[in-house]
């Protein structure tokens, strides 16, 4: 009996010690490592543990930059440093002269994320920088992904918006575009179409976290640049109207897959709301981007290829499974169908008829080819039901 009691106590101590050891190990892991562990759990469908990992990563980052800020505050509270007032340059010199390792490490970490020159030599701005670095948009995004996977749309939307609020801290430059797509998708699912349209327009007309316009022909910029973009798009529309779809695709390439989804979504939505001219414009760009991607990929394997007709292009695409998958992923034939209808609604009958004939003759155009074959010419089809 005594032996059993002793053994039970020993096991209890062992388990408690093991648990404490595990907690220490988790606490000692850097926040970025914990985030990667969460991604691994998420990819395996273990959403509960993934959620815990993402929250732990967020807390660990907050703790790290809180501690670093306190290291600087503690240094600045000494009488010798207080006399230096707000001069970050003099404080840095003091740190170097007195071998203040904790404060030096804190500033080195700060400058890794925030350029020193942007702080204007101000210690106060440096402290504010530590507060900013407590935000962890990548963790917020992955929390949003987890809530999205579990169908918690409101919670997911809140997390995506938190991530977007601090897009300058994202580990991958330009990833804020993908976050905007997630936000747009939630509004689509919830049938909040005005907000969906607003976010999709932001993808097209805005700039990413690196300050680069996502779509140079639609970007909000100086009035002169905007006018120039409008003129280029108008010239492209004239070529499409007067010369037809094949000649248009011979003349123009626009390899901008980042905004293809947004143009396509806006094109469908504008068509559904009877704004046929704007629908045609957005669907033209979606279709142009789709074909540019296809043509460039074919050229990559066959350098002397030159585009001639959509029919010839499809002959080459059909022999490449990855390209036929791309047709499905981008709703290629649906895009062509509603582009033809929108062009027809705007009186642009030449390209509309050519697209219609192309769909009717394509043996892999599915439902959209079947629709085109049922009618001899394009028409204004019933409004798209937004899912």
Protein backbone atom coordinates (compact mmCIF):
# COMPACT_ATOMS: atom_id res chain seq x y z
CA UNK A 1 0.00 0.00 0.00
CA UNK A 2 2.83 2.35 0.93
CA UNK A 3 4.62 1.41 -2.28
CA UNK A 4 1.50 2.20 -4.34
CA UNK A 5 1.10 5.55 -2.58
CA UNK A 6 4.76 6.37 -3.17
CA UNK A 7 4.48 5.36 -6.82
CA UNK A 8 1.35 7.50 -7.24
CA UNK A 9 3.05 10.52 -5.73
CA UNK A 10 6.08 9.96 -7.92
CA UNK A 11 3.92 9.82 -11.05
CA UNK A 12 2.01 12.93 -9.96
CA UNK A 13 5.24 14.85 -9.47
CA UNK A 14 6.56 13.57 -12.81
CA UNK A 15 3.41 14.59 -14.69
CA UNK A 16 3.34 18.00 -13.01
CA UNK A 17 7.02 18.48 -13.76
CA UNK A 18 6.53 17.39 -17.38
CA UNK A 19 3.58 19.77 -17.78
CA UNK A 20 5.59 22.65 -16.35
CA UNK A 21 8.50 21.74 -18.63
CA UNK A 22 6.17 21.76 -21.65
CA UNK A 23 4.79 25.17 -20.64
CA UNK A 24 8.33 26.53 -20.29
CA UNK A 25 9.25 25.11 -23.70
CA UNK A 26 6.17 26.69 -25.30
CA UNK A 27 6.84 30.02 -23.61
CA UNK A 28 10.47 30.00 -24.79
CA UNK A 29 9.53 29.48 -28.42
CA UNK A 30 9.67 32.65 -30.57
CA UNK A 31 6.34 33.94 -31.81
CA UNK A 32 7.18 33.23 -35.45
CA UNK A 33 7.89 29.57 -34.62
CA UNK A 34 4.55 29.26 -32.82
CA UNK A 35 2.80 30.78 -35.84
CA UNK A 36 4.39 28.21 -38.17
CA UNK A 37 3.30 25.44 -35.83
CA UNK A 38 -0.24 26.81 -36.02
CA UNK A 39 -0.11 26.77 -39.83
CA UNK A 40 0.95 23.11 -39.73
CA UNK A 41 -1.97 22.26 -37.45
CA UNK A 42 -4.35 24.25 -39.64
CA UNK A 43 -3.25 22.46 -42.82
CA UNK A 44 -3.98 19.17 -41.04
CA UNK A 45 -7.50 20.29 -40.15
CA UNK A 46 -6.77 20.59 -36.42
CA UNK A 47 -8.48 23.96 -36.12
CA UNK A 48 -8.83 23.97 -32.33
CA UNK A 49 -5.12 23.55 -31.62
CA UNK A 50 -4.26 25.82 -34.55
CA UNK A 51 -6.38 28.56 -32.99
CA UNK A 52 -4.51 28.17 -29.70
CA UNK A 53 -1.15 28.37 -31.49
CA UNK A 54 -2.11 31.54 -33.37
CA UNK A 55 -3.31 33.17 -30.14
CA UNK A 56 -0.09 32.08 -28.38
CA UNK A 57 1.96 33.58 -31.21
CA UNK A 58 0.10 36.87 -30.87
CA UNK A 59 0.57 36.93 -27.08
CA UNK A 60 4.27 36.04 -27.39
CA UNK A 61 4.87 38.92 -29.78
CA UNK A 62 3.05 41.36 -27.52
CA UNK A 63 5.14 40.13 -24.56
CA UNK A 64 8.41 40.50 -26.46
CA UNK A 65 7.89 44.08 -27.59
CA UNK A 66 6.36 45.07 -24.26
CA UNK A 67 9.51 43.81 -22.54
CA UNK A 68 11.74 45.64 -25.01
CA UNK A 69 9.83 48.86 -24.54
CA UNK A 70 10.23 48.48 -20.76
CA UNK A 71 13.99 48.02 -21.23
CA UNK A 72 14.15 51.40 -22.97
CA UNK A 73 11.86 53.09 -20.42
CA UNK A 74 13.98 51.73 -17.57
CA UNK A 75 17.10 53.13 -19.20
CA UNK A 76 15.47 56.51 -19.84
CA UNK A 77 14.34 56.77 -16.22
CA UNK A 78 17.92 57.07 -14.96
CA UNK A 79 18.99 60.66 -14.12
CA UNK A 80 21.86 60.65 -16.64
CA UNK A 81 19.60 59.67 -19.52
CA UNK A 82 16.71 61.93 -18.50
CA UNK A 83 19.01 64.88 -19.13
CA UNK A 84 19.27 63.78 -22.79
CA UNK A 85 15.51 64.46 -23.15
CA UNK A 86 14.03 63.21 -26.44
CA UNK A 87 17.28 62.84 -28.40
CA UNK A 88 17.41 59.28 -29.64
CA UNK A 89 20.89 59.88 -31.06
CA UNK A 90 22.32 60.87 -27.66
CA UNK A 91 20.54 57.96 -25.99
CA UNK A 92 22.07 55.57 -28.52
CA UNK A 93 25.49 57.01 -27.73
CA UNK A 94 24.87 56.52 -24.01
CA UNK A 95 23.83 52.91 -24.63
CA UNK A 96 27.04 52.25 -26.57
CA UNK A 97 29.29 54.00 -24.02
CA UNK A 98 27.77 52.20 -21.02
CA UNK A 99 27.29 48.79 -22.67
CA UNK A 100 23.55 48.70 -22.01
CA UNK A 101 23.00 45.36 -23.76
CA UNK A 102 19.25 45.00 -23.14
CA UNK A 103 18.47 48.47 -24.48
CA UNK A 104 20.85 47.95 -27.42
CA UNK A 105 19.11 44.69 -28.34
CA UNK A 106 15.73 46.34 -28.08
CA UNK A 107 16.69 49.17 -30.45
CA UNK A 108 18.31 46.73 -32.89
CA UNK A 109 15.04 44.77 -33.03
CA UNK A 110 13.05 47.98 -33.48
CA UNK A 111 15.23 49.12 -36.38
CA UNK A 112 14.87 45.74 -38.06
CA UNK A 113 11.17 46.48 -38.59
CA UNK A 114 11.05 50.28 -38.56
CA UNK A 115 13.72 52.34 -40.39
CA UNK A 116 15.65 54.43 -37.91
CA UNK A 117 15.41 57.54 -40.05
CA UNK A 118 11.61 57.39 -39.93
CA UNK A 119 11.75 58.03 -36.15
CA UNK A 120 13.22 61.51 -36.70
CA UNK A 121 15.71 61.06 -33.87
CA UNK A 122 12.89 60.99 -31.31
CA UNK A 123 12.95 58.61 -28.33
CA UNK A 124 9.22 59.16 -27.91
CA UNK A 125 8.59 57.93 -31.47
CA UNK A 126 10.82 54.94 -30.76
CA UNK A 127 8.61 53.99 -27.81
CA UNK A 128 5.54 54.39 -30.02
CA UNK A 129 7.27 52.13 -32.52
CA UNK A 130 7.43 49.33 -29.94
CA UNK A 131 3.69 49.73 -29.37
CA UNK A 132 3.09 49.41 -33.10
CA UNK A 133 5.23 46.29 -33.30
CA UNK A 134 3.03 44.56 -30.72
CA UNK A 135 0.53 44.12 -33.56
CA UNK A 136 0.88 40.83 -35.41
CA UNK A 137 -1.17 40.97 -38.64
CA UNK A 138 -0.03 37.52 -39.78
CA UNK A 139 -1.43 35.95 -36.61
CA UNK A 140 -4.65 37.95 -37.01
CA UNK A 141 -4.95 36.70 -40.59
CA UNK A 142 -4.50 33.07 -39.59
CA UNK A 143 -6.99 33.47 -36.77
CA UNK A 144 -9.35 34.76 -39.46
CA UNK A 145 -8.60 31.74 -41.65
CA UNK A 146 -9.42 29.41 -38.76
CA UNK A 147 -12.70 31.14 -37.99
CA UNK A 148 -13.51 31.12 -41.71
CA UNK A 149 -12.89 27.38 -41.89
CA UNK A 150 -15.28 26.89 -38.98
CA UNK A 151 -17.97 29.07 -40.59
CA UNK A 152 -17.65 31.95 -38.09
CA UNK A 153 -17.87 34.71 -40.68
CA UNK A 154 -18.23 37.67 -38.32
CA UNK A 155 -15.22 36.61 -36.24
CA UNK A 156 -13.22 35.94 -39.41
CA UNK A 157 -14.08 39.36 -40.84
CA UNK A 158 -12.97 41.07 -37.63
CA UNK A 159 -9.62 39.26 -37.74
CA UNK A 160 -9.01 40.06 -41.40
CA UNK A 161 -9.74 43.73 -40.73
CA UNK A 162 -7.32 43.73 -37.79
CA UNK A 163 -4.66 42.25 -40.07
CA UNK A 164 -5.35 44.85 -42.74
CA UNK A 165 -5.09 47.69 -40.21
CA UNK A 166 -1.40 46.82 -39.76
CA UNK A 167 -0.58 45.69 -43.29
CA UNK A 168 2.83 47.40 -43.14
CA UNK A 169 3.93 44.69 -40.67
CA UNK A 170 2.94 41.73 -42.84
CA UNK A 171 5.80 39.28 -43.34
CA UNK A 172 5.05 38.99 -47.06
CA UNK A 173 4.91 42.36 -48.89
CA UNK A 174 1.71 42.71 -50.90
CA UNK A 175 -0.11 40.00 -48.96
CA UNK A 176 -2.71 42.58 -47.94
CA UNK A 177 -4.27 42.01 -51.38
CA UNK A 178 -5.15 38.44 -50.40
CA UNK A 179 -6.65 39.73 -47.15
CA UNK A 180 -8.81 42.15 -49.13
CA UNK A 181 -9.99 39.22 -51.25
CA UNK A 182 -10.98 37.36 -48.07
CA UNK A 183 -12.94 40.37 -46.85
CA UNK A 184 -14.61 40.73 -50.24
CA UNK A 185 -15.57 37.05 -50.21
CA UNK A 186 -17.20 37.30 -46.78
CA UNK A 187 -19.33 40.24 -47.94
CA UNK A 188 -20.29 38.22 -51.04
CA UNK A 189 -21.32 35.23 -48.95
CA UNK A 190 -23.35 37.48 -46.64
CA UNK A 191 -24.94 39.19 -49.67
CA UNK A 192 -23.59 42.57 -48.58
CA UNK A 193 -23.08 43.53 -52.19
CA UNK A 194 -22.37 47.24 -51.79
CA UNK A 195 -19.54 46.49 -49.38
CA UNK A 196 -18.37 43.66 -51.64
CA UNK A 197 -18.18 46.08 -54.58
CA UNK A 198 -16.34 48.64 -52.46
CA UNK A 199 -13.67 46.13 -51.41
CA UNK A 200 -13.26 44.72 -54.93
CA UNK A 201 -12.78 48.25 -56.26
CA UNK A 202 -10.15 48.83 -53.56
CA UNK A 203 -8.24 45.80 -54.83
CA UNK A 204 -8.21 47.22 -58.34
CA UNK A 205 -7.79 50.93 -57.68
CA UNK A 206 -5.65 50.87 -54.52
CA UNK A 207 -2.03 50.20 -53.70
CA UNK A 208 -0.58 47.24 -51.85
CA UNK A 209 1.40 47.47 -48.60
CA UNK A 210 4.55 48.20 -50.61
CA UNK A 211 2.91 51.29 -52.11
CA UNK A 212 2.68 49.71 -55.58
CA UNK A 213 -0.59 50.11 -57.53
CA UNK A 214 -2.22 46.72 -58.02
CA UNK A 215 -3.57 47.72 -61.41
CA UNK A 216 -1.81 50.60 -63.14
CA UNK A 217 -4.66 51.15 -65.61
CA UNK A 218 -7.22 51.57 -62.82
CA UNK A 219 -5.19 53.04 -59.97
CA UNK A 220 -6.32 56.09 -58.08
CA UNK A 221 -3.48 58.52 -58.60
CA UNK A 222 -2.84 62.08 -59.69
CA UNK A 223 -5.52 63.54 -61.98
CA UNK A 224 -3.14 63.52 -64.93
CA UNK A 225 -2.26 59.86 -64.50
CA UNK A 226 -5.89 58.92 -63.99
CA UNK A 227 -6.86 60.71 -67.20
CA UNK A 228 -4.10 58.92 -69.06
CA UNK A 229 -5.33 55.55 -67.75
CA UNK A 230 -8.86 56.36 -68.83
CA UNK A 231 -7.62 57.27 -72.29
CA UNK A 232 -5.67 54.01 -72.62
CA UNK A 233 -8.70 51.97 -71.58
CA UNK A 234 -10.89 53.91 -74.00
CA UNK A 235 -8.43 53.22 -76.84
CA UNK A 236 -8.43 49.52 -75.96
CA UNK A 237 -12.24 49.48 -75.98
CA UNK A 238 -12.28 51.08 -79.45
CA UNK A 239 -9.96 48.41 -80.82
CA UNK A 240 -12.15 45.69 -79.34
CA UNK A 241 -15.31 47.26 -80.77
CA UNK A 242 -13.96 47.96 -84.25
CA UNK A 243 -11.44 45.16 -84.84
CA UNK A 244 -12.96 42.30 -82.86
CA UNK A 245 -11.75 39.98 -80.12
CA UNK A 246 -8.92 38.19 -81.95
CA UNK A 247 -7.28 41.38 -83.18
CA UNK A 248 -7.68 42.86 -79.70
CA UNK A 249 -5.81 39.90 -78.18
CA UNK A 250 -3.11 40.13 -80.84
CA UNK A 251 -2.45 43.77 -79.93
CA UNK A 252 -2.77 43.69 -76.15
CA UNK A 253 -1.30 41.73 -73.27
CA UNK A 254 -1.98 42.44 -69.60
CA UNK A 255 -0.32 39.98 -67.25
CA UNK A 256 -1.85 41.09 -63.98
CA UNK A 257 -3.35 38.00 -62.33
CA UNK A 258 -3.45 39.83 -58.97
CA UNK A 259 -6.56 41.76 -60.01
CA UNK A 260 -8.17 39.23 -62.38
CA UNK A 261 -10.57 37.88 -59.72
CA UNK A 262 -11.64 41.38 -58.71
CA UNK A 263 -12.33 42.42 -62.31
CA UNK A 264 -14.30 39.23 -62.88
CA UNK A 265 -16.36 39.62 -59.70
CA UNK A 266 -17.11 43.27 -60.47
CA UNK A 267 -18.00 42.37 -64.06
CA UNK A 268 -20.53 39.79 -62.93
CA UNK A 269 -21.96 42.10 -60.28
CA UNK A 270 -22.27 45.07 -62.64
CA UNK A 271 -24.01 42.80 -65.15
CA UNK A 272 -26.40 41.58 -62.44
CA UNK A 273 -27.22 45.19 -61.58
CA UNK A 274 -27.80 46.11 -65.28
CA UNK A 275 -24.67 48.28 -65.56
CA UNK A 276 -23.67 46.68 -68.83
CA UNK A 277 -21.05 49.20 -69.93
CA UNK A 278 -19.06 48.88 -66.71
CA UNK A 279 -19.61 45.12 -66.72
CA UNK A 280 -18.12 44.93 -70.23
CA UNK A 281 -15.12 47.00 -69.14
CA UNK A 282 -14.30 44.83 -66.13
CA UNK A 283 -14.98 41.56 -67.94
CA UNK A 284 -12.79 42.72 -70.83
CA UNK A 285 -9.88 43.13 -68.43
CA UNK A 286 -10.60 39.81 -66.70
CA UNK A 287 -10.70 38.03 -70.09
CA UNK A 288 -7.58 39.84 -71.30
CA UNK A 289 -5.65 38.83 -68.17
CA UNK A 290 -6.85 35.22 -68.46
CA UNK A 291 -5.73 34.97 -72.08
CA UNK A 292 -2.44 36.71 -71.38
CA UNK A 293 -1.63 34.11 -68.72
CA UNK A 294 -2.52 31.30 -71.15
CA UNK A 295 -0.54 32.78 -74.04
CA UNK A 296 2.53 33.50 -71.88
CA UNK A 297 2.50 29.96 -70.52
CA UNK A 298 2.31 28.47 -74.01
CA UNK A 299 5.17 30.72 -75.18
CA UNK A 300 7.23 29.54 -72.19
CA UNK A 301 7.17 26.02 -73.65
CA UNK A 302 7.01 27.02 -77.32
CA UNK A 303 8.93 30.28 -77.78
CA UNK A 304 7.94 30.81 -81.43
CA UNK A 305 4.19 30.66 -80.74
CA UNK A 306 2.14 33.69 -81.78
CA UNK A 307 -1.51 34.15 -80.93
CA UNK A 308 -3.85 34.16 -83.93
CA UNK A 309 -7.34 33.14 -82.84
CA UNK A 310 -9.13 31.99 -79.70
CA UNK A 311 -9.94 28.70 -81.44
CA UNK A 312 -6.25 28.00 -82.10
CA UNK A 313 -5.38 28.98 -78.53
CA UNK A 314 -7.94 26.51 -77.14
CA UNK A 315 -6.49 23.72 -79.29
CA UNK A 316 -3.16 24.23 -77.55
CA UNK A 317 -4.70 24.69 -74.10
CA UNK A 318 -6.66 21.43 -74.31
CA UNK A 319 -3.43 19.42 -74.47
CA UNK A 320 -2.19 20.94 -71.17
CA UNK A 321 -4.10 19.71 -68.07
CA UNK A 322 -2.76 22.53 -65.90
CA UNK A 323 -4.11 25.10 -68.38
CA UNK A 324 -7.53 23.47 -68.61
CA UNK A 325 -7.59 23.59 -64.80
CA UNK A 326 -6.82 27.31 -65.05
CA UNK A 327 -9.85 27.74 -67.34
CA UNK A 328 -12.03 26.25 -64.60
CA UNK A 329 -10.39 28.20 -61.78
CA UNK A 330 -10.95 31.53 -63.53
CA UNK A 331 -14.44 30.76 -64.95
CA UNK A 332 -13.00 31.42 -68.39
CA UNK A 333 -16.03 30.46 -70.48
CA UNK A 334 -18.51 32.09 -68.09
CA UNK A 335 -16.44 35.28 -68.37
CA UNK A 336 -16.54 35.08 -72.17
CA UNK A 337 -20.30 34.48 -72.15
CA UNK A 338 -21.22 37.48 -70.01
CA UNK A 339 -18.63 39.63 -71.75
CA UNK A 340 -20.38 38.86 -75.05
CA UNK A 341 -23.78 39.69 -73.52
CA UNK A 342 -22.51 42.94 -71.95
CA UNK A 343 -20.85 44.03 -75.20
CA UNK A 344 -24.05 43.27 -77.09
CA UNK A 345 -26.07 45.31 -74.58
CA UNK A 346 -23.73 48.24 -75.28
CA UNK A 347 -24.13 47.98 -79.04
CA UNK A 348 -20.68 46.42 -79.63
CA UNK A 349 -22.02 43.64 -81.82
CA UNK A 350 -18.83 42.62 -83.66
CA UNK A 351 -16.79 41.34 -80.70
CA UNK A 352 -19.99 40.07 -79.04
CA UNK A 353 -20.83 37.91 -82.06
CA UNK A 354 -17.26 36.63 -82.33
CA UNK A 355 -17.21 35.58 -78.69
CA UNK A 356 -20.62 33.94 -79.11
CA UNK A 357 -19.42 31.95 -82.10
CA UNK A 358 -16.28 30.94 -80.24
CA UNK A 359 -18.32 29.63 -77.29
CA UNK A 360 -20.75 27.78 -79.55
CA UNK A 361 -17.90 26.07 -81.41
CA UNK A 362 -15.85 25.13 -78.31
CA UNK A 363 -16.35 21.53 -77.25
CA UNK A 364 -15.02 22.21 -73.73
CA UNK A 365 -17.05 25.35 -72.96
CA UNK A 366 -19.65 23.40 -70.97
CA UNK A 367 -22.85 25.15 -69.94
CA UNK A 368 -21.79 28.41 -71.58
CA UNK A 369 -21.22 26.78 -74.95
CA UNK A 370 -24.58 25.03 -74.67
CA UNK A 371 -26.29 28.36 -73.98
CA UNK A 372 -24.57 29.96 -76.98
CA UNK A 373 -25.60 27.07 -79.24
CA UNK A 374 -29.26 27.47 -78.26
CA UNK A 375 -29.39 30.98 -79.75
CA UNK A 376 -28.03 32.14 -83.11
CA UNK A 377 -26.66 35.43 -81.76
CA UNK A 378 -25.84 37.17 -78.48
CA UNK A 379 -28.61 38.66 -76.40
CA UNK A 380 -29.05 40.29 -72.99
CA UNK A 381 -29.36 37.21 -70.84
CA UNK A 382 -31.18 37.28 -67.53
CA UNK A 383 -29.29 38.94 -64.72
CA UNK A 384 -26.71 36.85 -62.96
CA UNK A 385 -27.83 35.63 -59.57
CA UNK A 386 -25.02 36.49 -57.21
CA UNK A 387 -24.46 33.42 -55.00
